[in-house]
Amino acid sequence: GVEDVPDSGPAILMMNHISLIDPVVCMGAVTNRFVIPMTKVENARNPFLGVFVRMWGAYSVDRDTVDRRALTNSIELLRSGQLILIAPEGTRHPEGLARPKEGMTYVAVRSNAVVVPAALSDSMDVLQRWKRLRPARVRLTFGRPFRFRTEGRARIPRDELSRMTEEAMYQLALAQPDPALRGVYADLSQATTETLEFIDPRNPG
């Protein structure tokens, strides 16, 4: 489903996070444009990983606070037409989808960005398979791209922002081919789309 990633314009890859290599898989799978990942500040400070973070042009987020600098960076990148990669859960959840933070929704609303669900599976034990010289295939499934319905509003009430976030997470769950990784969003009958507007990725508008 990589054709669901728009060729241009502000867009967010919204990925689940189950393994260390997930961002690399997403960045490698999208070939129609450059992907700028958000990464935890610990990676940027790591003597080894920090080199690659800077080389790729990634930007960092402090997960222990409301990192307004990271939010501002995200909005500015999107308003300049970039594609960024965000894991809304904030950290790895190999047991399945967990309740997210609302930062991804906030920056999508403020920038009118297209959101593309990116559901990863089979990546949990890739490093172990490599060590045993076994094939290490990972599956990445893209869901239907959408925008949040804002009716032109720049500020959204907190309860509505929460509803938007929940509906977005159900879209990520719908894209996830492994039912065991849908976590708290396993009951797909609860998925609603009142705050979402699905778009044509070839003509995102």
N, C-alpha and C. Protein backbone atom coordinates (compact mmCIF):
# COMPACT_ATOMS: atom_id res chain seq x y z
N GLY A 1 0.78 -1.23 0.00
CA GLY A 1 0.00 0.00 0.00
C GLY A 1 0.81 1.27 0.00
N VAL A 2 2.08 1.19 -0.41
CA VAL A 2 2.93 2.38 -0.39
C VAL A 2 2.39 3.46 -1.32
N GLU A 3 1.55 3.09 -2.27
CA GLU A 3 0.96 4.09 -3.16
C GLU A 3 0.02 5.03 -2.41
N ASP A 4 -0.32 4.72 -1.16
CA ASP A 4 -1.17 5.60 -0.36
C ASP A 4 -0.40 6.76 0.27
N VAL A 5 0.92 6.79 0.07
CA VAL A 5 1.73 7.92 0.56
C VAL A 5 1.73 9.00 -0.50
N PRO A 6 1.18 10.20 -0.22
CA PRO A 6 1.14 11.27 -1.23
C PRO A 6 2.54 11.64 -1.72
N ASP A 7 2.64 11.99 -3.00
CA ASP A 7 3.92 12.34 -3.59
C ASP A 7 4.44 13.69 -3.10
N SER A 8 3.55 14.54 -2.63
CA SER A 8 3.96 15.87 -2.21
C SER A 8 2.98 16.39 -1.16
N GLY A 9 3.35 17.52 -0.56
CA GLY A 9 2.49 18.16 0.43
C GLY A 9 2.74 17.66 1.84
N PRO A 10 2.26 18.41 2.83
CA PRO A 10 2.49 18.04 4.24
C PRO A 10 1.82 16.71 4.57
N ALA A 11 2.60 15.79 5.14
CA ALA A 11 2.06 14.47 5.45
C ALA A 11 2.79 13.87 6.64
N ILE A 12 2.07 13.02 7.36
CA ILE A 12 2.62 12.33 8.53
C ILE A 12 2.46 10.84 8.34
N LEU A 13 3.56 10.10 8.49
CA LEU A 13 3.47 8.65 8.62
C LEU A 13 3.24 8.34 10.09
N MET A 14 2.10 7.77 10.41
CA MET A 14 1.74 7.45 11.79
C MET A 14 1.99 5.95 12.00
N MET A 15 3.10 5.62 12.65
CA MET A 15 3.48 4.21 12.75
C MET A 15 3.27 3.66 14.16
N ASN A 16 2.95 2.37 14.23
CA ASN A 16 3.05 1.68 15.51
C ASN A 16 4.53 1.38 15.75
N HIS A 17 4.88 1.09 16.98
CA HIS A 17 6.31 0.94 17.32
C HIS A 17 6.49 -0.32 18.14
N ILE A 18 7.09 -1.34 17.51
CA ILE A 18 7.27 -2.62 18.19
C ILE A 18 8.72 -3.06 18.24
N SER A 19 9.61 -2.39 17.51
CA SER A 19 11.00 -2.81 17.43
C SER A 19 11.90 -1.62 17.14
N LEU A 20 13.17 -1.79 17.49
CA LEU A 20 14.16 -0.73 17.27
C LEU A 20 14.28 -0.34 15.81
N ILE A 21 14.07 -1.30 14.91
CA ILE A 21 14.32 -1.02 13.49
C ILE A 21 13.13 -0.41 12.76
N ASP A 22 12.00 -0.24 13.44
CA ASP A 22 10.77 0.23 12.76
C ASP A 22 10.96 1.52 11.96
N PRO A 23 11.58 2.55 12.53
CA PRO A 23 11.74 3.79 11.73
C PRO A 23 12.56 3.56 10.47
N VAL A 24 13.59 2.71 10.55
CA VAL A 24 14.43 2.43 9.39
C VAL A 24 13.61 1.74 8.30
N VAL A 25 12.72 0.82 8.71
CA VAL A 25 11.87 0.12 7.75
C VAL A 25 10.97 1.13 7.03
N CYS A 26 10.35 2.02 7.79
CA CYS A 26 9.46 3.02 7.19
C CYS A 26 10.22 3.93 6.23
N MET A 27 11.40 4.39 6.64
CA MET A 27 12.16 5.30 5.80
C MET A 27 12.63 4.60 4.53
N GLY A 28 12.94 3.30 4.63
CA GLY A 28 13.39 2.57 3.46
C GLY A 28 12.27 2.20 2.50
N ALA A 29 11.07 2.01 3.05
CA ALA A 29 9.94 1.57 2.22
C ALA A 29 9.38 2.70 1.37
N VAL A 30 9.44 3.92 1.86
CA VAL A 30 8.89 5.07 1.12
C VAL A 30 9.97 5.60 0.20
N THR A 31 9.77 5.43 -1.09
CA THR A 31 10.78 5.83 -2.07
C THR A 31 10.36 7.03 -2.92
N ASN A 32 9.11 7.46 -2.78
CA ASN A 32 8.65 8.58 -3.62
C ASN A 32 8.99 9.94 -3.02
N ARG A 33 9.48 9.95 -1.77
CA ARG A 33 9.88 11.21 -1.16
C ARG A 33 10.71 10.94 0.09
N PHE A 34 11.34 12.00 0.60
CA PHE A 34 12.21 11.87 1.77
C PHE A 34 11.38 11.88 3.05
N VAL A 35 11.73 11.00 3.97
CA VAL A 35 11.02 10.88 5.24
C VAL A 35 11.90 11.45 6.36
N ILE A 36 11.34 12.39 7.12
CA ILE A 36 12.06 12.98 8.25
C ILE A 36 11.48 12.40 9.54
N PRO A 37 12.26 11.59 10.28
CA PRO A 37 11.71 10.97 11.49
C PRO A 37 11.87 11.83 12.73
N MET A 38 10.89 11.74 13.61
CA MET A 38 11.03 12.25 14.96
C MET A 38 11.63 11.12 15.80
N THR A 39 12.64 11.42 16.59
CA THR A 39 13.29 10.40 17.41
C THR A 39 13.42 10.89 18.84
N LYS A 40 13.49 9.96 19.76
CA LYS A 40 13.63 10.34 21.16
C LYS A 40 14.98 11.02 21.38
N VAL A 41 15.03 11.94 22.32
CA VAL A 41 16.23 12.74 22.53
C VAL A 41 17.41 11.87 22.95
N GLU A 42 17.13 10.72 23.57
CA GLU A 42 18.21 9.82 23.98
C GLU A 42 19.00 9.32 22.77
N ASN A 43 18.32 9.10 21.65
CA ASN A 43 19.03 8.66 20.44
C ASN A 43 19.95 9.76 19.91
N ALA A 44 19.46 11.00 19.95
CA ALA A 44 20.27 12.11 19.46
C ALA A 44 21.53 12.31 20.31
N ARG A 45 21.44 11.95 21.59
CA ARG A 45 22.57 12.14 22.49
C ARG A 45 23.51 10.94 22.51
N ASN A 46 23.09 9.82 21.92
CA ASN A 46 23.90 8.61 21.91
C ASN A 46 25.11 8.81 21.00
N PRO A 47 26.34 8.51 21.49
CA PRO A 47 27.55 8.76 20.69
C PRO A 47 27.54 8.05 19.35
N PHE A 48 26.92 6.86 19.26
CA PHE A 48 26.88 6.10 18.02
C PHE A 48 25.66 6.48 17.19
N LEU A 49 24.46 6.36 17.77
CA LEU A 49 23.24 6.63 17.02
C LEU A 49 23.11 8.10 16.64
N GLY A 50 23.65 8.98 17.49
CA GLY A 50 23.52 10.41 17.24
C GLY A 50 24.10 10.84 15.90
N VAL A 51 25.16 10.16 15.47
CA VAL A 51 25.77 10.47 14.17
C VAL A 51 24.76 10.25 13.04
N PHE A 52 24.05 9.11 13.10
CA PHE A 52 23.09 8.79 12.04
C PHE A 52 21.85 9.68 12.14
N VAL A 53 21.47 10.03 13.37
CA VAL A 53 20.33 10.93 13.55
C VAL A 53 20.60 12.26 12.86
N ARG A 54 21.79 12.79 13.06
CA ARG A 54 22.13 14.09 12.46
C ARG A 54 22.31 13.96 10.94
N MET A 55 22.92 12.87 10.49
CA MET A 55 23.14 12.69 9.05
C MET A 55 21.81 12.61 8.30
N TRP A 56 20.80 11.97 8.90
CA TRP A 56 19.53 11.80 8.21
C TRP A 56 18.66 13.06 8.30
N GLY A 57 18.97 13.93 9.25
CA GLY A 57 18.16 15.13 9.42
C GLY A 57 16.98 14.94 10.34
N ALA A 58 17.05 13.90 11.19
CA ALA A 58 15.98 13.66 12.15
C ALA A 58 15.97 14.76 13.21
N TYR A 59 14.84 14.90 13.88
CA TYR A 59 14.75 15.86 14.98
C TYR A 59 14.24 15.13 16.21
N SER A 60 14.56 15.66 17.39
CA SER A 60 14.35 14.91 18.62
C SER A 60 13.17 15.44 19.42
N VAL A 61 12.68 14.57 20.30
CA VAL A 61 11.60 14.91 21.21
C VAL A 61 11.94 14.38 22.59
N ASP A 62 11.67 15.19 23.61
CA ASP A 62 11.83 14.77 25.00
C ASP A 62 10.50 14.18 25.46
N ARG A 63 10.46 12.86 25.66
CA ARG A 63 9.21 12.18 25.97
C ARG A 63 8.76 12.38 27.41
N ASP A 64 9.64 12.95 28.24
CA ASP A 64 9.29 13.13 29.65
C ASP A 64 8.57 14.44 29.94
N THR A 65 8.45 15.28 28.92
CA THR A 65 7.79 16.57 29.10
C THR A 65 6.87 16.83 27.89
N VAL A 66 6.09 17.90 27.99
CA VAL A 66 5.38 18.39 26.80
C VAL A 66 6.41 19.20 26.02
N ASP A 67 7.02 18.58 25.05
CA ASP A 67 8.14 19.19 24.32
C ASP A 67 7.61 20.13 23.25
N ARG A 68 7.44 21.39 23.61
CA ARG A 68 6.87 22.37 22.68
C ARG A 68 7.80 22.66 21.51
N ARG A 69 9.09 22.51 21.73
CA ARG A 69 10.03 22.72 20.63
C ARG A 69 9.84 21.64 19.57
N ALA A 70 9.65 20.40 19.98
CA ALA A 70 9.43 19.31 19.03
C ALA A 70 8.11 19.51 18.29
N LEU A 71 7.07 19.98 19.01
CA LEU A 71 5.79 20.25 18.35
C LEU A 71 5.94 21.36 17.31
N THR A 72 6.65 22.42 17.68
CA THR A 72 6.86 23.53 16.75
C THR A 72 7.67 23.09 15.54
N ASN A 73 8.72 22.28 15.77
CA ASN A 73 9.52 21.77 14.66
C ASN A 73 8.66 20.95 13.70
N SER A 74 7.79 20.11 14.28
CA SER A 74 6.92 19.27 13.46
C SER A 74 6.01 20.13 12.58
N ILE A 75 5.39 21.13 13.19
CA ILE A 75 4.46 21.99 12.45
C ILE A 75 5.19 22.75 11.35
N GLU A 76 6.38 23.27 11.65
CA GLU A 76 7.13 24.01 10.65
C GLU A 76 7.56 23.12 9.48
N LEU A 77 7.98 21.89 9.78
CA LEU A 77 8.36 20.96 8.71
C LEU A 77 7.16 20.66 7.82
N LEU A 78 6.01 20.42 8.45
CA LEU A 78 4.82 20.10 7.68
C LEU A 78 4.36 21.29 6.84
N ARG A 79 4.39 22.47 7.41
CA ARG A 79 3.97 23.65 6.66
C ARG A 79 4.89 23.95 5.48
N SER A 80 6.11 23.41 5.52
CA SER A 80 7.02 23.57 4.39
C SER A 80 6.88 22.42 3.39
N GLY A 81 5.87 21.54 3.63
CA GLY A 81 5.56 20.49 2.67
C GLY A 81 6.28 19.19 2.86
N GLN A 82 6.86 18.96 4.06
CA GLN A 82 7.64 17.76 4.29
C GLN A 82 6.77 16.57 4.72
N LEU A 83 7.38 15.39 4.67
CA LEU A 83 6.78 14.14 5.18
C LEU A 83 7.55 13.75 6.43
N ILE A 84 6.86 13.66 7.57
CA ILE A 84 7.53 13.31 8.82
C ILE A 84 6.98 11.99 9.34
N LEU A 85 7.79 11.34 10.16
CA LEU A 85 7.44 10.03 10.73
C LEU A 85 7.27 10.18 12.23
N ILE A 86 6.10 9.80 12.75
CA ILE A 86 5.81 9.92 14.18
C ILE A 86 5.21 8.62 14.68
N ALA A 87 5.64 8.19 15.87
CA ALA A 87 5.02 7.07 16.58
C ALA A 87 4.16 7.67 17.68
N PRO A 88 2.84 7.76 17.50
CA PRO A 88 2.00 8.48 18.47
C PRO A 88 2.00 7.88 19.87
N GLU A 89 2.35 6.59 19.99
CA GLU A 89 2.40 5.98 21.32
C GLU A 89 3.58 6.48 22.14
N GLY A 90 4.60 7.00 21.46
CA GLY A 90 5.73 7.61 22.15
C GLY A 90 6.86 6.66 22.49
N THR A 91 6.59 5.37 22.55
CA THR A 91 7.62 4.38 22.87
C THR A 91 7.20 3.03 22.31
N ARG A 92 8.09 2.05 22.40
CA ARG A 92 7.78 0.74 21.83
C ARG A 92 6.71 -0.01 22.63
N HIS A 93 5.81 -0.66 21.90
CA HIS A 93 4.78 -1.51 22.51
C HIS A 93 4.68 -2.81 21.71
N PRO A 94 5.61 -3.74 21.92
CA PRO A 94 5.58 -5.00 21.18
C PRO A 94 4.37 -5.86 21.51
N GLU A 95 3.68 -5.52 22.61
CA GLU A 95 2.49 -6.29 22.99
C GLU A 95 1.25 -5.85 22.20
N GLY A 96 1.34 -4.78 21.46
CA GLY A 96 0.20 -4.29 20.69
C GLY A 96 -0.06 -2.82 20.96
N LEU A 97 -0.93 -2.21 20.17
CA LEU A 97 -1.22 -0.78 20.27
C LEU A 97 -1.67 -0.38 21.66
N ALA A 98 -1.14 0.75 22.14
CA ALA A 98 -1.50 1.30 23.44
C ALA A 98 -2.08 2.69 23.24
N ARG A 99 -2.65 3.25 24.31
CA ARG A 99 -3.19 4.61 24.22
C ARG A 99 -2.07 5.58 23.89
N PRO A 100 -2.29 6.46 22.91
CA PRO A 100 -1.23 7.37 22.48
C PRO A 100 -1.29 8.71 23.21
N LYS A 101 -0.27 9.51 22.96
CA LYS A 101 -0.32 10.92 23.31
C LYS A 101 -1.02 11.65 22.15
N GLU A 102 -1.36 12.93 22.36
CA GLU A 102 -2.13 13.65 21.35
C GLU A 102 -1.29 14.58 20.49
N GLY A 103 0.04 14.49 20.64
CA GLY A 103 0.91 15.39 19.90
C GLY A 103 0.79 15.25 18.39
N MET A 104 0.67 14.01 17.90
CA MET A 104 0.55 13.79 16.46
C MET A 104 -0.70 14.47 15.92
N THR A 105 -1.82 14.31 16.63
CA THR A 105 -3.07 14.93 16.19
C THR A 105 -2.96 16.45 16.21
N TYR A 106 -2.35 16.98 17.24
CA TYR A 106 -2.19 18.43 17.38
C TYR A 106 -1.43 19.01 16.19
N VAL A 107 -0.30 18.40 15.82
CA VAL A 107 0.49 18.97 14.72
C VAL A 107 -0.21 18.75 13.37
N ALA A 108 -0.95 17.65 13.24
CA ALA A 108 -1.69 17.42 12.00
C ALA A 108 -2.78 18.46 11.81
N VAL A 109 -3.47 18.80 12.90
CA VAL A 109 -4.53 19.80 12.84
C VAL A 109 -3.95 21.18 12.52
N ARG A 110 -2.87 21.54 13.19
CA ARG A 110 -2.29 22.87 13.01
C ARG A 110 -1.67 23.06 11.61
N SER A 111 -1.30 21.97 10.96
CA SER A 111 -0.64 22.06 9.65
C SER A 111 -1.52 21.59 8.50
N ASN A 112 -2.73 21.08 8.82
CA ASN A 112 -3.62 20.52 7.81
C ASN A 112 -2.94 19.39 7.03
N ALA A 113 -2.16 18.59 7.73
CA ALA A 113 -1.38 17.53 7.09
C ALA A 113 -2.24 16.30 6.82
N VAL A 114 -1.87 15.57 5.78
CA VAL A 114 -2.42 14.24 5.53
C VAL A 114 -1.76 13.25 6.47
N VAL A 115 -2.54 12.35 7.04
CA VAL A 115 -2.02 11.31 7.94
C VAL A 115 -2.14 9.97 7.23
N VAL A 116 -1.04 9.22 7.20
CA VAL A 116 -1.03 7.90 6.57
C VAL A 116 -0.68 6.86 7.63
N PRO A 117 -1.61 5.97 8.00
CA PRO A 117 -1.28 4.91 8.95
C PRO A 117 -0.21 4.00 8.37
N ALA A 118 0.76 3.61 9.20
CA ALA A 118 1.85 2.72 8.77
C ALA A 118 1.99 1.62 9.83
N ALA A 119 1.43 0.46 9.51
CA ALA A 119 1.34 -0.64 10.48
C ALA A 119 2.45 -1.65 10.25
N LEU A 120 3.32 -1.80 11.25
CA LEU A 120 4.43 -2.74 11.16
C LEU A 120 4.10 -4.03 11.90
N SER A 121 4.56 -5.14 11.33
CA SER A 121 4.46 -6.44 12.00
C SER A 121 5.68 -7.27 11.64
N ASP A 122 5.94 -8.29 12.44
CA ASP A 122 7.07 -9.22 12.22
C ASP A 122 8.44 -8.59 12.39
N SER A 123 8.53 -7.47 13.10
CA SER A 123 9.85 -6.85 13.27
C SER A 123 10.43 -7.05 14.67
N MET A 124 9.68 -7.72 15.57
CA MET A 124 10.12 -7.82 16.95
C MET A 124 11.44 -8.56 17.12
N ASP A 125 11.64 -9.64 16.35
CA ASP A 125 12.83 -10.48 16.56
C ASP A 125 13.77 -10.44 15.38
N VAL A 126 13.76 -9.36 14.62
CA VAL A 126 14.61 -9.26 13.43
C VAL A 126 16.08 -9.40 13.80
N LEU A 127 16.54 -8.71 14.83
CA LEU A 127 17.95 -8.75 15.20
C LEU A 127 18.37 -10.16 15.59
N GLN A 128 17.50 -10.88 16.32
CA GLN A 128 17.81 -12.25 16.71
C GLN A 128 17.91 -13.15 15.48
N ARG A 129 17.02 -12.93 14.49
CA ARG A 129 17.07 -13.74 13.27
C ARG A 129 18.34 -13.45 12.47
N TRP A 130 18.74 -12.19 12.44
CA TRP A 130 19.98 -11.85 11.76
C TRP A 130 21.17 -12.56 12.39
N LYS A 131 21.19 -12.58 13.72
CA LYS A 131 22.31 -13.21 14.42
C LYS A 131 22.40 -14.70 14.11
N ARG A 132 21.24 -15.32 13.83
CA ARG A 132 21.21 -16.75 13.50
C ARG A 132 21.30 -16.97 11.98
N LEU A 133 21.61 -15.86 11.25
CA LEU A 133 21.74 -15.91 9.79
C LEU A 133 20.48 -16.44 9.12
N ARG A 134 19.33 -16.06 9.67
CA ARG A 134 18.05 -16.46 9.10
C ARG A 134 17.41 -15.25 8.40
N PRO A 135 16.56 -15.48 7.38
CA PRO A 135 15.87 -14.36 6.73
C PRO A 135 15.08 -13.55 7.75
N ALA A 136 15.05 -12.26 7.56
CA ALA A 136 14.38 -11.37 8.52
C ALA A 136 13.42 -10.46 7.77
N ARG A 137 12.30 -11.01 7.35
CA ARG A 137 11.31 -10.22 6.63
C ARG A 137 10.42 -9.46 7.62
N VAL A 138 10.13 -8.23 7.25
CA VAL A 138 9.24 -7.38 8.05
C VAL A 138 8.10 -6.92 7.15
N ARG A 139 6.89 -6.89 7.71
CA ARG A 139 5.74 -6.45 6.91
C ARG A 139 5.34 -5.04 7.33
N LEU A 140 5.16 -4.17 6.34
CA LEU A 140 4.70 -2.80 6.58
C LEU A 140 3.48 -2.57 5.70
N THR A 141 2.36 -2.25 6.32
CA THR A 141 1.10 -2.06 5.60
C THR A 141 0.61 -0.64 5.80
N PHE A 142 0.39 0.08 4.71
CA PHE A 142 -0.10 1.45 4.79
C PHE A 142 -1.63 1.45 4.70
N GLY A 143 -2.25 2.28 5.54
CA GLY A 143 -3.70 2.40 5.54
C GLY A 143 -4.18 3.57 4.71
N ARG A 144 -5.48 3.81 4.76
CA ARG A 144 -6.09 4.88 3.98
C ARG A 144 -5.65 6.25 4.50
N PRO A 145 -5.15 7.14 3.63
CA PRO A 145 -4.75 8.47 4.08
C PRO A 145 -5.96 9.35 4.38
N PHE A 146 -5.81 10.21 5.37
CA PHE A 146 -6.92 11.07 5.78
C PHE A 146 -6.40 12.37 6.36
N ARG A 147 -7.30 13.34 6.44
CA ARG A 147 -7.08 14.55 7.22
C ARG A 147 -8.12 14.60 8.33
N PHE A 148 -7.84 15.37 9.35
CA PHE A 148 -8.83 15.61 10.39
C PHE A 148 -9.78 16.72 9.95
N ARG A 149 -11.04 16.55 10.23
CA ARG A 149 -12.04 17.57 9.92
C ARG A 149 -11.95 18.69 10.97
N THR A 150 -11.61 19.88 10.53
CA THR A 150 -11.49 21.00 11.46
C THR A 150 -12.43 22.15 11.13
N GLU A 151 -13.07 22.12 9.95
CA GLU A 151 -13.92 23.22 9.49
C GLU A 151 -13.18 24.55 9.58
N GLY A 152 -11.88 24.53 9.30
CA GLY A 152 -11.10 25.75 9.27
C GLY A 152 -10.61 26.23 10.62
N ARG A 153 -10.92 25.52 11.68
CA ARG A 153 -10.50 25.96 13.02
C ARG A 153 -9.03 25.63 13.27
N ALA A 154 -8.28 26.58 13.83
CA ALA A 154 -6.89 26.35 14.19
C ALA A 154 -6.76 25.72 15.57
N ARG A 155 -7.76 25.96 16.41
CA ARG A 155 -7.74 25.41 17.77
C ARG A 155 -8.93 24.47 17.95
N ILE A 156 -8.64 23.30 18.48
CA ILE A 156 -9.65 22.27 18.67
C ILE A 156 -9.79 22.00 20.16
N PRO A 157 -11.03 21.93 20.69
CA PRO A 157 -11.21 21.61 22.11
C PRO A 157 -10.57 20.28 22.48
N ARG A 158 -10.13 20.16 23.71
CA ARG A 158 -9.38 18.98 24.15
C ARG A 158 -10.18 17.68 23.96
N ASP A 159 -11.47 17.71 24.27
CA ASP A 159 -12.25 16.48 24.12
C ASP A 159 -12.36 16.06 22.65
N GLU A 160 -12.46 17.03 21.75
CA GLU A 160 -12.53 16.71 20.33
C GLU A 160 -11.18 16.21 19.82
N LEU A 161 -10.09 16.79 20.34
CA LEU A 161 -8.75 16.34 19.96
C LEU A 161 -8.55 14.88 20.39
N SER A 162 -9.07 14.54 21.55
CA SER A 162 -8.98 13.16 22.03
C SER A 162 -9.76 12.21 21.12
N ARG A 163 -10.95 12.65 20.68
CA ARG A 163 -11.76 11.82 19.79
C ARG A 163 -11.06 11.64 18.45
N MET A 164 -10.45 12.70 17.94
CA MET A 164 -9.68 12.60 16.70
C MET A 164 -8.56 11.57 16.84
N THR A 165 -7.87 11.64 17.96
CA THR A 165 -6.75 10.73 18.20
C THR A 165 -7.21 9.28 18.24
N GLU A 166 -8.32 9.04 18.92
CA GLU A 166 -8.86 7.68 18.99
C GLU A 166 -9.25 7.17 17.61
N GLU A 167 -9.89 8.00 16.82
CA GLU A 167 -10.30 7.57 15.48
C GLU A 167 -9.08 7.29 14.60
N ALA A 168 -8.03 8.09 14.76
CA ALA A 168 -6.80 7.86 13.99
C ALA A 168 -6.16 6.53 14.39
N MET A 169 -6.16 6.23 15.69
CA MET A 169 -5.55 4.98 16.14
C MET A 169 -6.33 3.77 15.63
N TYR A 170 -7.62 3.89 15.51
CA TYR A 170 -8.39 2.77 14.95
C TYR A 170 -8.04 2.57 13.47
N GLN A 171 -7.71 3.65 12.76
CA GLN A 171 -7.28 3.49 11.38
C GLN A 171 -5.94 2.75 11.31
N LEU A 172 -5.08 2.99 12.30
CA LEU A 172 -3.82 2.26 12.37
C LEU A 172 -4.09 0.78 12.68
N ALA A 173 -5.05 0.54 13.56
CA ALA A 173 -5.42 -0.85 13.88
C ALA A 173 -6.02 -1.55 12.66
N LEU A 174 -6.82 -0.84 11.88
CA LEU A 174 -7.41 -1.43 10.67
C LEU A 174 -6.34 -1.80 9.65
N ALA A 175 -5.25 -1.04 9.62
CA ALA A 175 -4.16 -1.33 8.68
C ALA A 175 -3.29 -2.48 9.16
N GLN A 176 -3.37 -2.82 10.45
CA GLN A 176 -2.52 -3.84 11.05
C GLN A 176 -3.02 -5.24 10.68
N PRO A 177 -2.23 -6.02 9.91
CA PRO A 177 -2.69 -7.35 9.50
C PRO A 177 -2.64 -8.40 10.60
N ASP A 178 -1.89 -8.13 11.66
CA ASP A 178 -1.76 -9.09 12.77
C ASP A 178 -2.71 -8.69 13.90
N PRO A 179 -3.80 -9.41 14.10
CA PRO A 179 -4.77 -9.04 15.15
C PRO A 179 -4.15 -8.94 16.53
N ALA A 180 -3.10 -9.71 16.79
CA ALA A 180 -2.47 -9.70 18.10
C ALA A 180 -1.77 -8.37 18.40
N LEU A 181 -1.49 -7.59 17.35
CA LEU A 181 -0.79 -6.32 17.53
C LEU A 181 -1.72 -5.12 17.55
N ARG A 182 -3.02 -5.36 17.53
CA ARG A 182 -3.97 -4.24 17.58
C ARG A 182 -4.20 -3.74 19.00
N GLY A 183 -3.78 -4.49 19.98
CA GLY A 183 -3.79 -4.05 21.37
C GLY A 183 -5.15 -3.57 21.84
N VAL A 184 -5.16 -2.37 22.44
CA VAL A 184 -6.40 -1.83 23.00
C VAL A 184 -7.39 -1.41 21.91
N TYR A 185 -6.97 -1.46 20.66
CA TYR A 185 -7.85 -1.11 19.54
C TYR A 185 -8.26 -2.38 18.75
N ALA A 186 -8.25 -3.51 19.44
CA ALA A 186 -8.55 -4.79 18.79
C ALA A 186 -9.99 -4.91 18.32
N ASP A 187 -10.91 -4.25 19.02
CA ASP A 187 -12.33 -4.34 18.65
C ASP A 187 -12.61 -3.33 17.54
N LEU A 188 -12.44 -3.76 16.31
CA LEU A 188 -12.57 -2.85 15.17
C LEU A 188 -14.00 -2.38 14.96
N SER A 189 -14.97 -3.03 15.59
CA SER A 189 -16.36 -2.58 15.48
C SER A 189 -16.55 -1.23 16.16
N GLN A 190 -15.60 -0.82 16.99
CA GLN A 190 -15.67 0.47 17.69
C GLN A 190 -15.10 1.61 16.86
N ALA A 191 -14.54 1.30 15.70
CA ALA A 191 -13.92 2.33 14.87
C ALA A 191 -14.98 3.25 14.27
N THR A 192 -14.78 4.55 14.44
CA THR A 192 -15.65 5.56 13.84
C THR A 192 -14.80 6.52 13.01
N THR A 193 -15.44 7.32 12.19
CA THR A 193 -14.70 8.22 11.29
C THR A 193 -15.32 9.61 11.24
N GLU A 194 -16.00 10.02 12.29
CA GLU A 194 -16.70 11.30 12.28
C GLU A 194 -15.75 12.48 12.13
N THR A 195 -14.53 12.37 12.64
CA THR A 195 -13.59 13.49 12.59
C THR A 195 -12.58 13.35 11.46
N LEU A 196 -12.74 12.33 10.62
CA LEU A 196 -11.76 12.05 9.56
C LEU A 196 -12.35 12.32 8.19
N GLU A 197 -11.49 12.79 7.30
CA GLU A 197 -11.85 12.98 5.89
C GLU A 197 -10.82 12.23 5.06
N PHE A 198 -11.24 11.14 4.42
CA PHE A 198 -10.32 10.34 3.62
C PHE A 198 -10.03 11.04 2.30
N ILE A 199 -8.80 10.93 1.82
CA ILE A 199 -8.37 11.68 0.65
C ILE A 199 -7.76 10.74 -0.39
N ASP A 200 -7.69 11.24 -1.61
CA ASP A 200 -7.03 10.54 -2.69
C ASP A 200 -5.55 10.89 -2.64
N PRO A 201 -4.66 9.92 -2.38
CA PRO A 201 -3.25 10.25 -2.23
C PRO A 201 -2.62 10.85 -3.48
N ARG A 202 -3.19 10.60 -4.65
CA ARG A 202 -2.64 11.17 -5.89
C ARG A 202 -3.11 12.61 -6.09
N ASN A 203 -4.16 12.99 -5.35
CA ASN A 203 -4.68 14.36 -5.46
C ASN A 203 -5.14 14.81 -4.07
N PRO A 204 -4.16 15.01 -3.15
CA PRO A 204 -4.52 15.32 -1.76
C PRO A 204 -5.17 16.67 -1.55
N GLY A 205 -5.06 17.58 -2.52
CA GLY A 205 -5.74 18.87 -2.40
C GLY A 205 -5.04 19.83 -1.46
